[in-house]
Amino acid sequence: MQQRVLVLGARGRFGLAAVRAFADAGWQVVGHMRPGAKVPTEVANDGRVEWVACDLYDTAAVAKAAGTADVVVHALNPHYTHKAWRAEALPMTEAALAVTRALGATLMFMGNVYNFGKDMPDVLREDTPQRAHTVKGQVRMAMEALIARSGVRAVVIRAGDFFGSGHGSWFDQAIVKNIRKGVLTYPGQHHIATAWAYLPDLARTFVLVAQKRTELRPFEVLHFAGYQLTAQQWVDAITPVAQLQGWVQPQTEVKLSRLPWPVIKLGALLVPTWAALLEMRYLWDRAHSLANDRLVTLIGPEPHTPLPAAVAQSLADLHLLPATTSAEARTLAV
């Protein structure tokens, strides 16, 4: 029997990646979006997905639209400000739990490393103590605690920073912002390796875990390893594409520049989004990776696109590569 999934926040970056991954795996997919929203143009003609627009907090309406969904993916996120996260993150999670409970389904939630705080160890495991000191980190801890005590069957899959599948992360907003000028702008110290997740790989992992959900405990936490990358590794991955596009000369690497944190610190006094970014600066000063032992035991090898190919596709998703040459760039990168 074909399985069915409801993706809450399906117009968002991870939500849309999850919609695609579940549809590709043969699931019936219901994509939830807010009233008045339009179906994303990228999948507007994809007949595999049923799109519904209704109030998240109308549990009965959302559950009715979901039909017989076996799995609910919580891909909802407030705007990137302290005020929005304090006001909206927990109510969104409560609504996701209410819908999942009404359906008798399993909730899948994407976690991140904010929970561990500035004193986190180099290797993060599912039982690593959580000592968040930031607004978002403390809210994230509260969200996961709410899920754990809800009585709803649920799994949290934790991952590092995102890249791929469009706009909205450090990758596009900082790192490759000036890549057409041959410059890679890095927010952290160049020798420190941090955790990254290529969104299509993470979305495929959600599908694989969903297919194994009956083997999980009522509440489970799993870690997605992805990549652990330094600035130089980003340079090594991006340079072949930059050379192909003429952004740098042959045999020349892209240049590394530092993100102007003093400017962001000053702007944070007036711009709430910058204040939220500034609070998370510590993540760039702490080497960290995620141990995926439990995940691999459950699903086998973690989905993992070679970094050069993932980078080339991510640049194509951002329309930084001409359509006629993006495939060539991905082939060269592999």
Protein backbone atom coordinates (compact mmCIF):
# COMPACT_ATOMS: atom_id res chain seq x y z
CA MET A 1 0.00 0.00 0.00
CA GLN A 2 1.33 3.44 -0.95
CA GLN A 3 2.37 5.51 2.05
CA ARG A 4 1.29 9.11 2.58
CA VAL A 5 3.12 12.07 4.10
CA LEU A 6 2.00 15.55 5.15
CA VAL A 7 4.72 18.21 4.93
CA LEU A 8 3.93 21.24 7.11
CA GLY A 9 5.63 24.35 5.77
CA ALA A 10 6.08 22.75 2.37
CA ARG A 11 6.84 26.06 0.63
CA GLY A 12 9.93 26.55 2.78
CA ARG A 13 13.41 25.52 1.77
CA PHE A 14 13.60 22.23 3.62
CA GLY A 15 9.87 21.63 3.22
CA LEU A 16 10.15 21.76 -0.56
CA ALA A 17 13.20 19.49 -0.52
CA ALA A 18 11.21 17.00 1.59
CA VAL A 19 8.24 17.19 -0.78
CA ARG A 20 10.50 16.29 -3.69
CA ALA A 21 12.32 13.50 -1.86
CA PHE A 22 9.14 11.77 -0.65
CA ALA A 23 7.51 12.11 -4.09
CA ASP A 24 10.62 10.68 -5.77
CA ALA A 25 10.42 7.71 -3.38
CA GLY A 26 6.84 6.97 -4.44
CA TRP A 27 4.95 8.39 -1.46
CA GLN A 28 1.66 10.24 -1.75
CA VAL A 29 2.59 13.77 -0.71
CA VAL A 30 0.41 16.50 0.76
CA GLY A 31 2.14 19.88 0.83
CA HIS A 32 0.74 22.30 3.41
CA MET A 33 1.02 26.06 2.96
CA ARG A 34 -0.55 29.06 4.62
CA PRO A 35 -3.88 30.48 3.31
CA GLY A 36 -3.35 32.69 0.29
CA ALA A 37 0.03 31.19 -0.59
CA LYS A 38 0.76 29.97 -4.10
CA VAL A 39 2.18 26.63 -5.14
CA PRO A 40 5.96 26.97 -5.69
CA THR A 41 6.71 27.43 -9.37
CA GLU A 42 9.41 24.71 -9.19
CA VAL A 43 6.78 22.03 -8.61
CA ALA A 44 3.61 23.71 -9.86
CA ASN A 45 3.11 21.06 -12.53
CA ASP A 46 4.18 18.08 -10.44
CA GLY A 47 1.09 15.90 -10.31
CA ARG A 48 2.59 13.75 -7.58
CA VAL A 49 1.95 16.42 -4.93
CA GLU A 50 -1.39 17.57 -3.54
CA TRP A 51 -1.14 21.16 -2.32
CA VAL A 52 -3.44 22.46 0.41
CA ALA A 53 -3.69 25.95 1.89
CA CYS A 54 -5.23 26.16 5.34
CA ASP A 55 -4.65 27.64 8.78
CA LEU A 56 -1.99 25.64 10.62
CA TYR A 57 -3.87 26.09 13.89
CA ASP A 58 -7.11 24.63 12.53
CA THR A 59 -6.20 21.05 13.45
CA ALA A 60 -9.37 19.53 12.03
CA ALA A 61 -8.94 21.24 8.64
CA VAL A 62 -5.27 20.28 8.33
CA ALA A 63 -5.95 16.68 9.39
CA LYS A 64 -8.82 16.42 6.91
CA ALA A 65 -6.61 17.72 4.12
CA ALA A 66 -3.88 15.24 5.09
CA GLY A 67 -6.27 12.31 4.73
CA THR A 68 -4.64 9.10 5.88
CA ALA A 69 -1.12 10.48 6.27
CA ASP A 70 1.25 8.07 8.02
CA VAL A 71 3.98 10.66 8.61
CA VAL A 72 3.98 14.40 9.33
CA VAL A 73 7.14 16.38 8.56
CA HIS A 74 7.50 19.53 10.69
CA ALA A 75 9.27 21.94 8.32
CA LEU A 76 7.87 25.12 9.85
CA ASN A 77 10.14 28.01 10.84
CA PRO A 78 9.47 31.53 12.15
CA HIS A 79 11.30 34.52 10.68
CA TYR A 80 14.95 34.72 11.72
CA THR A 81 14.53 37.12 14.65
CA HIS A 82 14.50 36.61 18.42
CA LYS A 83 10.99 38.08 18.69
CA ALA A 84 9.54 35.72 16.10
CA TRP A 85 11.19 32.65 17.56
CA ARG A 86 10.03 33.43 21.09
CA ALA A 87 6.47 34.05 19.93
CA GLU A 88 5.94 31.46 17.19
CA ALA A 89 8.24 28.43 17.45
CA LEU A 90 6.48 26.62 20.31
CA PRO A 91 2.92 27.29 19.06
CA MET A 92 3.93 25.97 15.64
CA THR A 93 5.29 22.82 17.26
CA GLU A 94 2.15 22.40 19.36
CA ALA A 95 0.06 22.67 16.18
CA ALA A 96 2.23 20.09 14.41
CA LEU A 97 1.82 17.74 17.37
CA ALA A 98 -1.96 18.24 17.41
CA VAL A 99 -2.24 17.36 13.72
CA THR A 100 0.03 14.34 14.11
CA ARG A 101 -1.98 13.13 17.11
CA ALA A 102 -5.25 13.53 15.20
CA LEU A 103 -3.86 11.43 12.35
CA GLY A 104 -2.27 8.79 14.57
CA ALA A 105 0.91 9.43 12.58
CA THR A 106 4.64 9.80 13.28
CA LEU A 107 6.10 13.30 13.55
CA MET A 108 9.48 14.01 11.95
CA PHE A 109 11.32 17.13 13.09
CA MET A 110 14.57 18.61 11.83
CA GLY A 111 16.89 19.59 14.67
CA ASN A 112 20.14 21.53 14.57
CA VAL A 113 23.26 22.11 16.69
CA TYR A 114 22.03 25.25 18.47
CA ASN A 115 20.99 23.12 21.45
CA PHE A 116 24.56 22.38 22.52
CA GLY A 117 25.81 25.90 23.16
CA LYS A 118 29.24 27.52 22.99
CA ASP A 119 30.95 24.84 25.11
CA MET A 120 29.93 21.96 22.85
CA PRO A 121 32.52 19.21 22.19
CA ASP A 122 34.09 18.57 18.79
CA VAL A 123 31.92 15.48 18.18
CA LEU A 124 28.19 15.77 18.87
CA ARG A 125 26.23 12.64 19.74
CA GLU A 126 22.55 12.11 20.49
CA ASP A 127 23.27 12.04 24.24
CA THR A 128 25.67 15.02 24.29
CA PRO A 129 24.51 17.39 27.08
CA GLN A 130 22.52 20.36 25.79
CA ARG A 131 23.58 23.69 27.29
CA ALA A 132 22.19 26.29 24.90
CA HIS A 133 23.02 29.90 25.82
CA THR A 134 21.35 31.67 22.87
CA VAL A 135 17.71 32.57 22.31
CA LYS A 136 17.31 30.17 19.39
CA GLY A 137 19.20 27.42 21.16
CA GLN A 138 17.00 27.62 24.23
CA VAL A 139 13.85 27.71 22.10
CA ARG A 140 15.10 24.70 20.16
CA MET A 141 15.64 22.79 23.39
CA ALA A 142 12.10 23.69 24.49
CA MET A 143 10.67 22.51 21.15
CA GLU A 144 12.36 19.13 21.40
CA ALA A 145 11.33 18.76 25.05
CA LEU A 146 7.73 19.50 24.07
CA ILE A 147 7.86 16.82 21.39
CA ALA A 148 9.48 14.29 23.74
CA ARG A 149 6.79 14.60 26.41
CA SER A 150 3.84 14.86 24.01
CA GLY A 151 3.13 11.14 23.76
CA VAL A 152 3.18 11.44 19.95
CA ARG A 153 5.50 9.06 18.11
CA ALA A 154 8.30 11.28 16.88
CA VAL A 155 11.85 11.36 15.59
CA VAL A 156 14.26 14.32 15.58
CA ILE A 157 16.95 14.27 12.89
CA ARG A 158 19.69 16.75 13.75
CA ALA A 159 21.96 18.27 11.10
CA GLY A 160 24.44 21.10 10.58
CA ASP A 161 24.20 24.26 8.47
CA PHE A 162 22.29 23.96 5.19
CA PHE A 163 23.29 24.44 1.61
CA GLY A 164 21.55 23.49 -1.63
CA SER A 165 17.96 23.75 -2.86
CA GLY A 166 17.79 27.53 -3.13
CA HIS A 167 18.15 30.61 -0.98
CA GLY A 168 18.22 31.20 2.75
CA SER A 169 21.47 30.06 4.38
CA TRP A 170 25.04 31.14 5.05
CA PHE A 171 26.06 29.49 1.78
CA ASP A 172 24.12 31.82 -0.50
CA GLN A 173 23.80 34.88 1.76
CA ALA A 174 27.50 35.10 2.58
CA ILE A 175 29.86 32.43 1.27
CA VAL A 176 29.09 32.63 -2.48
CA LYS A 177 27.52 36.08 -2.49
CA ASN A 178 30.50 37.48 -4.43
CA ILE A 179 31.60 34.27 -6.14
CA ARG A 180 31.13 35.75 -9.63
CA LYS A 181 33.92 38.15 -8.65
CA GLY A 182 36.09 35.19 -7.73
CA VAL A 183 35.68 35.82 -3.99
CA LEU A 184 34.48 33.40 -1.32
CA THR A 185 33.38 35.20 1.86
CA TYR A 186 33.82 33.04 4.95
CA PRO A 187 32.17 33.83 8.30
CA GLY A 188 34.63 31.93 10.49
CA GLN A 189 38.29 31.19 11.04
CA HIS A 190 39.65 29.49 7.97
CA HIS A 191 41.11 26.44 9.73
CA ILE A 192 38.04 25.48 11.79
CA ALA A 193 35.83 22.72 10.38
CA THR A 194 32.07 22.92 10.98
CA ALA A 195 29.07 20.71 10.18
CA TRP A 196 27.14 21.12 6.92
CA ALA A 197 24.15 19.34 5.40
CA TYR A 198 23.32 19.26 1.67
CA LEU A 199 19.53 19.55 1.76
CA PRO A 200 18.69 16.97 -0.93
CA ASP A 201 20.77 14.40 1.01
CA LEU A 202 19.07 15.34 4.28
CA ALA A 203 15.61 15.12 2.67
CA ARG A 204 16.40 11.66 1.30
CA THR A 205 17.47 10.67 4.80
CA PHE A 206 14.07 11.72 6.14
CA VAL A 207 12.46 9.36 3.64
CA LEU A 208 14.70 6.46 4.61
CA VAL A 209 14.03 7.00 8.31
CA ALA A 210 10.28 7.30 7.65
CA GLN A 211 10.38 3.92 5.96
CA LYS A 212 12.01 2.44 9.08
CA ARG A 213 9.89 4.33 11.62
CA THR A 214 8.30 1.19 13.12
CA GLU A 215 11.76 0.12 14.27
CA LEU A 216 12.23 3.28 16.34
CA ARG A 217 11.41 3.98 19.95
CA PRO A 218 8.35 6.23 20.57
CA PHE A 219 10.71 9.22 20.74
CA GLU A 220 14.05 9.03 18.95
CA VAL A 221 16.90 11.40 18.11
CA LEU A 222 19.26 10.69 15.21
CA HIS A 223 22.23 12.65 13.87
CA PHE A 224 22.93 13.33 10.19
CA ALA A 225 26.68 13.71 9.63
CA GLY A 226 26.78 15.43 6.24
CA TYR A 227 30.15 17.16 5.82
CA GLN A 228 32.68 18.73 8.20
CA LEU A 229 34.32 21.52 6.21
CA THR A 230 36.96 24.20 6.53
CA ALA A 231 37.17 27.34 4.41
CA GLN A 232 39.89 25.74 2.26
CA GLN A 233 37.69 22.73 1.54
CA TRP A 234 34.99 25.10 0.29
CA VAL A 235 37.61 26.78 -1.90
CA ASP A 236 38.74 23.42 -3.30
CA ALA A 237 35.16 22.45 -4.15
CA ILE A 238 34.11 25.75 -5.72
CA THR A 239 37.29 26.62 -7.62
CA PRO A 240 36.77 24.15 -10.55
CA VAL A 241 33.34 25.65 -11.24
CA ALA A 242 34.71 29.18 -10.89
CA GLN A 243 37.45 28.39 -13.39
CA LEU A 244 34.96 26.89 -15.83
CA GLN A 245 32.75 29.98 -15.60
CA GLY A 246 35.67 32.40 -15.93
CA TRP A 247 35.16 33.85 -12.45
CA VAL A 248 38.86 33.19 -11.84
CA GLN A 249 41.72 32.55 -14.23
CA PRO A 250 42.79 28.97 -15.06
CA GLN A 251 45.06 27.47 -12.40
CA THR A 252 43.87 30.16 -9.95
CA GLU A 253 41.87 29.54 -6.78
CA VAL A 254 38.97 31.69 -5.67
CA LYS A 255 40.06 34.25 -3.09
CA LEU A 256 39.08 34.00 0.57
CA SER A 257 37.75 37.04 2.40
CA ARG A 258 36.41 37.43 5.93
CA LEU A 259 32.85 38.36 6.76
CA PRO A 260 32.82 41.90 8.25
CA TRP A 261 31.57 40.97 11.72
CA PRO A 262 32.26 44.48 13.16
CA VAL A 263 29.81 45.91 10.62
CA ILE A 264 27.22 43.26 11.52
CA LYS A 265 27.74 43.99 15.23
CA LEU A 266 27.06 47.67 14.64
CA GLY A 267 24.07 46.98 12.41
CA ALA A 268 22.64 44.56 14.97
CA LEU A 269 21.69 47.55 17.11
CA LEU A 270 19.10 48.46 14.48
CA VAL A 271 18.40 45.31 12.45
CA PRO A 272 16.78 42.41 14.37
CA THR A 273 17.90 39.82 11.82
CA TRP A 274 21.52 40.91 12.19
CA ALA A 275 21.21 40.69 15.96
CA ALA A 276 20.06 37.08 15.59
CA LEU A 277 22.96 36.31 13.24
CA LEU A 278 25.48 37.88 15.61
CA GLU A 279 24.31 35.71 18.49
CA MET A 280 25.19 32.58 16.50
CA ARG A 281 28.72 33.70 15.62
CA TYR A 282 30.18 31.28 18.17
CA LEU A 283 29.34 28.36 15.86
CA TRP A 284 32.10 29.49 13.50
CA ASP A 285 34.68 29.43 16.30
CA ARG A 286 33.97 25.87 17.47
CA ALA A 287 35.00 22.88 15.38
CA HIS A 288 32.11 20.42 15.43
CA SER A 289 30.73 17.39 13.65
CA LEU A 290 27.78 15.06 14.16
CA ALA A 291 28.26 11.33 14.81
CA ASN A 292 25.73 9.36 12.77
CA ASP A 293 26.24 5.85 14.21
CA ARG A 294 22.59 5.38 15.21
CA LEU A 295 21.35 6.65 11.86
CA VAL A 296 23.62 4.31 9.88
CA THR A 297 22.57 1.36 12.05
CA LEU A 298 18.96 2.11 11.12
CA ILE A 299 19.13 2.97 7.41
CA GLY A 300 22.56 1.87 6.22
CA PRO A 301 24.95 4.35 4.54
CA GLU A 302 23.85 7.96 4.85
CA PRO A 303 22.87 9.63 1.54
CA HIS A 304 25.97 11.57 0.56
CA THR A 305 26.55 13.55 -2.63
CA PRO A 306 30.25 14.22 -3.35
CA LEU A 307 30.97 17.78 -2.26
CA PRO A 308 32.04 19.19 -5.66
CA ALA A 309 28.86 17.89 -7.29
CA ALA A 310 26.69 19.19 -4.42
CA VAL A 311 28.35 22.62 -4.68
CA ALA A 312 27.86 22.80 -8.46
CA GLN A 313 24.19 21.87 -8.15
CA SER A 314 23.73 24.39 -5.33
CA LEU A 315 25.19 27.15 -7.50
CA ALA A 316 22.86 26.11 -10.31
CA ASP A 317 19.90 26.23 -7.90
CA LEU A 318 20.88 29.84 -7.11
CA HIS A 319 20.93 30.65 -10.85
CA LEU A 320 24.62 31.47 -10.61
CA LEU A 321 25.35 29.07 -13.43
CA PRO A 322 23.80 29.50 -16.89
CA ALA A 323 21.36 26.71 -17.66
CA THR A 324 23.44 25.63 -20.65
CA THR A 325 26.59 25.14 -18.58
CA SER A 326 25.35 24.03 -15.16
CA ALA A 327 25.28 20.35 -16.19
CA GLU A 328 28.82 20.66 -17.56
CA ALA A 329 29.95 22.21 -14.29
CA ARG A 330 28.42 19.39 -12.27
CA THR A 331 30.13 16.81 -14.49
CA LEU A 332 33.47 18.56 -14.13
CA ALA A 333 33.01 18.78 -10.37
CA VAL A 334 32.46 15.03 -10.05
